[in-house]
N, C-alpha and C. Protein backbone atom coordinates (compact mmCIF):
# COMPACT_ATOMS: atom_id res chain seq x y z
N MET A 1 125.55 38.69 72.51
CA MET A 1 126.75 39.50 73.05
C MET A 1 126.06 39.71 74.51
N LYS A 2 126.93 39.62 75.64
CA LYS A 2 126.60 39.90 76.92
C LYS A 2 126.78 41.29 77.30
N ASN A 3 125.94 42.06 78.14
CA ASN A 3 126.14 43.30 78.42
C ASN A 3 126.61 43.27 79.90
N TYR A 4 127.29 44.55 80.31
CA TYR A 4 127.74 44.55 81.88
C TYR A 4 127.58 46.03 81.99
N TYR A 5 127.37 46.27 83.31
CA TYR A 5 126.92 47.72 83.88
C TYR A 5 127.69 48.18 84.99
N VAL A 6 128.27 49.28 84.85
CA VAL A 6 128.63 50.02 86.11
C VAL A 6 127.70 50.93 86.64
N TYR A 7 127.64 50.86 87.89
CA TYR A 7 126.42 51.51 88.57
C TYR A 7 126.87 52.35 89.86
N ILE A 8 126.17 53.57 90.25
CA ILE A 8 126.42 54.18 91.38
C ILE A 8 125.10 54.19 92.12
N LEU A 9 125.08 53.75 93.49
CA LEU A 9 124.02 53.70 94.20
C LEU A 9 123.97 54.73 95.29
N LYS A 10 122.99 55.50 95.67
CA LYS A 10 123.09 56.35 96.76
C LYS A 10 122.48 55.63 97.83
N CYS A 11 123.00 55.50 99.20
CA CYS A 11 122.55 54.78 100.13
C CYS A 11 121.78 55.77 101.19
N SER A 12 120.92 54.96 101.90
CA SER A 12 120.20 55.93 102.85
C SER A 12 120.86 56.81 103.86
N ASP A 13 122.19 56.59 104.03
CA ASP A 13 123.10 57.42 104.92
C ASP A 13 123.73 58.52 104.07
N GLY A 14 123.51 58.67 102.77
CA GLY A 14 124.10 59.70 101.83
C GLY A 14 125.20 59.28 101.15
N THR A 15 125.91 58.02 101.47
CA THR A 15 126.99 57.61 100.98
C THR A 15 126.81 57.06 99.55
N TYR A 16 127.68 56.91 98.74
CA TYR A 16 127.73 56.20 97.24
C TYR A 16 128.42 54.94 97.48
N TYR A 17 127.82 53.99 96.64
CA TYR A 17 128.40 52.69 96.43
C TYR A 17 128.46 52.41 94.94
N THR A 18 129.50 52.07 94.41
CA THR A 18 129.74 51.79 93.05
C THR A 18 130.09 50.25 92.89
N GLY A 19 129.46 49.74 91.79
CA GLY A 19 129.56 48.32 91.53
C GLY A 19 129.54 47.96 90.17
N VAL A 20 129.54 46.66 89.73
CA VAL A 20 129.63 46.25 88.27
C VAL A 20 128.86 45.06 88.06
N THR A 21 127.92 44.67 87.26
CA THR A 21 127.31 43.65 87.27
C THR A 21 126.88 43.17 85.75
N ASN A 22 126.36 41.90 85.55
CA ASN A 22 125.93 41.68 84.29
C ASN A 22 124.51 41.68 84.09
N ASN A 23 123.74 41.94 85.20
CA ASN A 23 122.40 41.95 85.22
C ASN A 23 121.85 43.12 86.17
N ILE A 24 121.68 44.23 85.86
CA ILE A 24 121.34 45.27 86.72
C ILE A 24 120.26 45.36 87.46
N ASN A 25 119.17 44.90 86.78
CA ASN A 25 117.90 44.66 87.48
C ASN A 25 117.78 43.73 88.76
N ARG A 26 118.59 42.48 88.34
CA ARG A 26 118.88 41.49 89.56
C ARG A 26 119.59 42.00 90.76
N ARG A 27 120.75 42.67 90.20
CA ARG A 27 121.67 43.13 91.14
C ARG A 27 121.12 44.17 92.07
N LEU A 28 120.20 45.29 91.57
CA LEU A 28 119.58 46.31 92.50
C LEU A 28 118.54 45.62 93.30
N SER A 29 118.00 44.47 92.90
CA SER A 29 116.95 43.77 93.67
C SER A 29 117.67 43.07 94.79
N GLU A 30 118.95 42.51 94.59
CA GLU A 30 119.76 42.00 95.49
C GLU A 30 120.23 42.96 96.67
N HIS A 31 120.70 44.18 96.20
CA HIS A 31 120.98 45.23 97.04
C HIS A 31 119.92 45.55 97.91
N ASN A 32 118.77 45.97 97.40
CA ASN A 32 117.49 46.48 98.08
C ASN A 32 116.96 45.43 99.06
N SER A 33 117.04 44.20 98.70
CA SER A 33 116.58 43.22 99.66
C SER A 33 117.41 42.93 100.66
N GLY A 34 118.60 43.26 100.56
CA GLY A 34 119.42 42.92 101.77
C GLY A 34 119.88 41.44 101.48
N ALA A 35 119.77 40.88 100.34
CA ALA A 35 120.19 39.49 100.25
C ALA A 35 121.75 39.17 100.52
N ILE A 36 122.55 40.15 100.52
CA ILE A 36 123.89 39.76 100.69
C ILE A 36 124.34 40.44 102.17
N SER A 37 124.06 39.64 103.11
CA SER A 37 124.41 40.00 104.68
C SER A 37 125.95 40.53 104.58
N GLY A 38 126.06 41.57 105.36
CA GLY A 38 127.45 41.93 105.61
C GLY A 38 127.93 42.94 104.68
N SER A 39 127.29 42.98 103.51
CA SER A 39 127.68 43.91 102.32
C SER A 39 127.58 45.41 102.93
N TYR A 40 128.42 46.16 102.23
CA TYR A 40 128.41 47.70 102.57
C TYR A 40 127.03 48.15 102.44
N THR A 41 126.24 47.79 101.48
CA THR A 41 124.80 48.38 101.36
C THR A 41 123.64 47.68 102.21
N HIS A 42 124.10 46.51 102.79
CA HIS A 42 122.99 45.92 103.73
C HIS A 42 122.39 46.77 104.65
N SER A 43 123.26 47.54 105.49
CA SER A 43 122.55 48.20 106.53
C SER A 43 122.34 49.84 106.06
N ARG A 44 122.34 49.96 104.80
CA ARG A 44 122.33 51.39 104.28
C ARG A 44 121.12 51.51 103.32
N ARG A 45 120.06 50.44 103.49
CA ARG A 45 118.82 50.56 102.73
C ARG A 45 118.03 51.46 103.06
N PRO A 46 117.03 52.17 102.27
CA PRO A 46 116.71 51.82 100.84
C PRO A 46 118.03 52.53 100.00
N LEU A 47 118.23 52.04 98.92
CA LEU A 47 119.17 52.34 97.82
C LEU A 47 118.51 53.13 96.60
N GLU A 48 119.22 54.00 96.03
CA GLU A 48 118.45 54.72 94.81
C GLU A 48 119.63 54.55 93.72
N LEU A 49 119.35 54.06 92.50
CA LEU A 49 120.17 54.19 91.54
C LEU A 49 120.43 55.47 90.75
N MET A 50 121.60 55.76 90.94
CA MET A 50 121.92 57.26 90.53
C MET A 50 122.50 57.28 89.17
N PHE A 51 123.32 56.30 88.69
CA PHE A 51 124.09 56.39 87.51
C PHE A 51 124.09 55.02 87.10
N HIS A 52 124.21 54.59 85.64
CA HIS A 52 124.69 53.34 85.34
C HIS A 52 125.24 53.47 83.86
N GLU A 53 126.18 52.82 83.51
CA GLU A 53 126.63 52.81 82.18
C GLU A 53 126.88 51.40 81.61
N GLU A 54 126.42 51.13 80.42
CA GLU A 54 126.52 49.62 79.81
C GLU A 54 127.91 49.51 78.94
N PHE A 55 128.32 48.43 79.05
CA PHE A 55 129.60 48.00 78.37
C PHE A 55 129.25 46.65 77.70
N ASN A 56 130.04 46.50 76.48
CA ASN A 56 130.04 45.00 75.95
C ASN A 56 131.24 44.15 76.54
N ASP A 57 132.12 44.86 77.08
CA ASP A 57 133.40 44.39 77.49
C ASP A 57 133.59 44.45 78.93
N ILE A 58 133.62 43.31 79.65
CA ILE A 58 133.78 43.22 81.15
C ILE A 58 134.98 44.16 81.70
N ASN A 59 136.10 43.83 80.77
CA ASN A 59 137.32 44.49 81.30
C ASN A 59 137.19 46.09 81.26
N ASN A 60 136.52 46.72 80.39
CA ASN A 60 136.16 48.13 80.30
C ASN A 60 135.38 48.41 81.52
N ALA A 61 134.31 47.67 81.70
CA ALA A 61 133.52 47.95 82.91
C ALA A 61 134.11 47.96 84.27
N ILE A 62 135.04 46.83 84.51
CA ILE A 62 135.76 46.90 85.66
C ILE A 62 136.86 48.03 85.79
N LEU A 63 137.42 48.56 84.59
CA LEU A 63 138.29 49.66 84.54
C LEU A 63 137.56 50.83 85.10
N LEU A 64 136.31 51.24 84.54
CA LEU A 64 135.67 52.22 85.04
C LEU A 64 135.14 52.21 86.59
N GLU A 65 134.57 51.08 86.93
CA GLU A 65 134.27 50.80 88.46
C GLU A 65 135.52 51.22 89.17
N LYS A 66 136.59 50.62 88.94
CA LYS A 66 137.68 51.03 89.85
C LYS A 66 138.23 52.45 89.82
N ARG A 67 138.04 52.95 88.62
CA ARG A 67 138.40 54.37 88.52
C ARG A 67 137.26 55.29 89.40
N ILE A 68 136.13 54.79 89.17
CA ILE A 68 135.00 55.74 90.09
C ILE A 68 135.18 55.53 91.49
N LYS A 69 135.54 54.44 92.00
CA LYS A 69 135.76 54.08 93.32
C LYS A 69 136.90 54.89 93.82
N GLY A 70 137.90 55.20 93.22
CA GLY A 70 138.85 56.30 93.63
C GLY A 70 138.66 57.66 93.61
N TRP A 71 137.51 57.90 93.12
CA TRP A 71 136.96 59.39 92.95
C TRP A 71 136.52 59.87 94.22
N SER A 72 136.60 61.36 94.26
CA SER A 72 135.92 62.17 95.53
C SER A 72 134.55 61.92 95.13
N ARG A 73 133.80 62.40 96.31
CA ARG A 73 132.26 62.49 96.28
C ARG A 73 131.96 63.54 95.24
N LYS A 74 132.63 64.65 95.26
CA LYS A 74 132.16 65.61 94.32
C LYS A 74 132.30 65.32 92.87
N LYS A 75 133.34 64.59 92.64
CA LYS A 75 133.41 64.02 91.03
C LYS A 75 132.49 62.91 90.82
N LYS A 76 132.23 62.02 91.85
CA LYS A 76 130.92 61.16 91.57
C LYS A 76 129.73 61.99 91.30
N GLU A 77 129.43 63.15 92.03
CA GLU A 77 128.21 63.77 91.82
C GLU A 77 128.17 64.64 90.54
N ALA A 78 129.42 64.90 90.08
CA ALA A 78 129.56 65.60 88.70
C ALA A 78 129.10 64.49 87.68
N LEU A 79 129.52 63.22 87.63
CA LEU A 79 129.10 62.24 86.83
C LEU A 79 127.86 61.97 86.95
N ILE A 80 127.25 61.78 88.05
CA ILE A 80 125.71 61.71 88.21
C ILE A 80 124.94 62.66 87.48
N GLU A 81 125.31 63.90 87.84
CA GLU A 81 124.69 65.24 87.18
C GLU A 81 125.04 65.40 85.79
N GLU A 82 125.85 64.68 85.20
CA GLU A 82 126.27 64.80 83.77
C GLU A 82 126.91 66.01 83.51
N ASN A 83 127.53 66.64 84.47
CA ASN A 83 128.20 67.84 84.40
C ASN A 83 129.60 67.73 84.03
N PHE A 84 129.77 67.52 82.82
CA PHE A 84 131.16 66.94 82.36
C PHE A 84 132.18 68.01 82.59
N ASP A 85 131.85 69.29 82.35
CA ASP A 85 132.55 70.48 82.52
C ASP A 85 133.43 70.38 83.98
N GLU A 86 132.50 70.13 84.95
CA GLU A 86 133.04 70.08 86.29
C GLU A 86 133.63 68.82 86.62
N LEU A 87 133.44 67.75 86.00
CA LEU A 87 134.07 66.56 86.04
C LEU A 87 135.36 66.75 85.46
N LYS A 88 135.66 67.40 84.38
CA LYS A 88 136.84 67.65 83.85
C LYS A 88 137.84 68.75 84.69
N ARG A 89 137.08 69.56 85.31
CA ARG A 89 137.87 70.66 86.20
C ARG A 89 138.28 70.14 87.52
N LEU A 90 137.43 69.14 88.07
CA LEU A 90 138.03 68.18 89.25
C LEU A 90 138.98 67.42 88.89
N SER A 91 139.10 66.82 87.79
CA SER A 91 140.14 65.91 87.33
C SER A 91 141.56 66.67 87.15
N ASN A 92 141.24 68.08 86.71
CA ASN A 92 142.65 68.72 86.49
C ASN A 92 143.10 69.14 87.79
N LEU A 93 142.09 69.35 88.69
CA LEU A 93 142.60 69.82 90.22
C LEU A 93 143.43 68.92 90.72
N LYS A 94 143.22 67.46 90.40
CA LYS A 94 143.89 66.48 91.31
C LYS A 94 145.23 66.43 90.74
N ASN A 95 145.55 67.01 89.32
CA ASN A 95 146.81 66.82 88.63
C ASN A 95 147.53 67.94 88.86
N CYS A 96 146.95 69.05 89.83
CA CYS A 96 147.77 70.15 90.21
C CYS A 96 148.70 70.00 91.35
N ARG A 97 149.73 70.46 91.25
CA ARG A 97 150.65 70.59 92.43
C ARG A 97 150.88 71.97 93.01
N LYS A 98 151.16 71.86 94.28
CA LYS A 98 151.32 73.04 94.99
C LYS A 98 152.71 73.63 94.73
N VAL A 99 152.83 74.82 94.43
CA VAL A 99 154.12 75.52 94.14
C VAL A 99 154.65 76.18 95.49
N LYS A 100 156.07 75.93 95.77
CA LYS A 100 156.45 76.30 97.06
C LYS A 100 157.06 77.71 96.61
């Protein structure tokens, strides 16, 4: 059975990068070595792995990657810190509408 990983890296400029891979060690090495010229992380090294989650199904991994990429910085940090109450609160705030 193949494993897939969704991961969040913290870049040297303080931004976050989210990706998906089937070999997390190889992919982190590629990011940190600058193997992929022109990539988002190439000029933002060194990089630090902040979060990763393992999946057996690539489709589920891709779904989470896309979801995280749409999140605010605060929401990503709540996930990284495993602060699930804050993550839920931030998710609920997004769904609130201003009342006129």
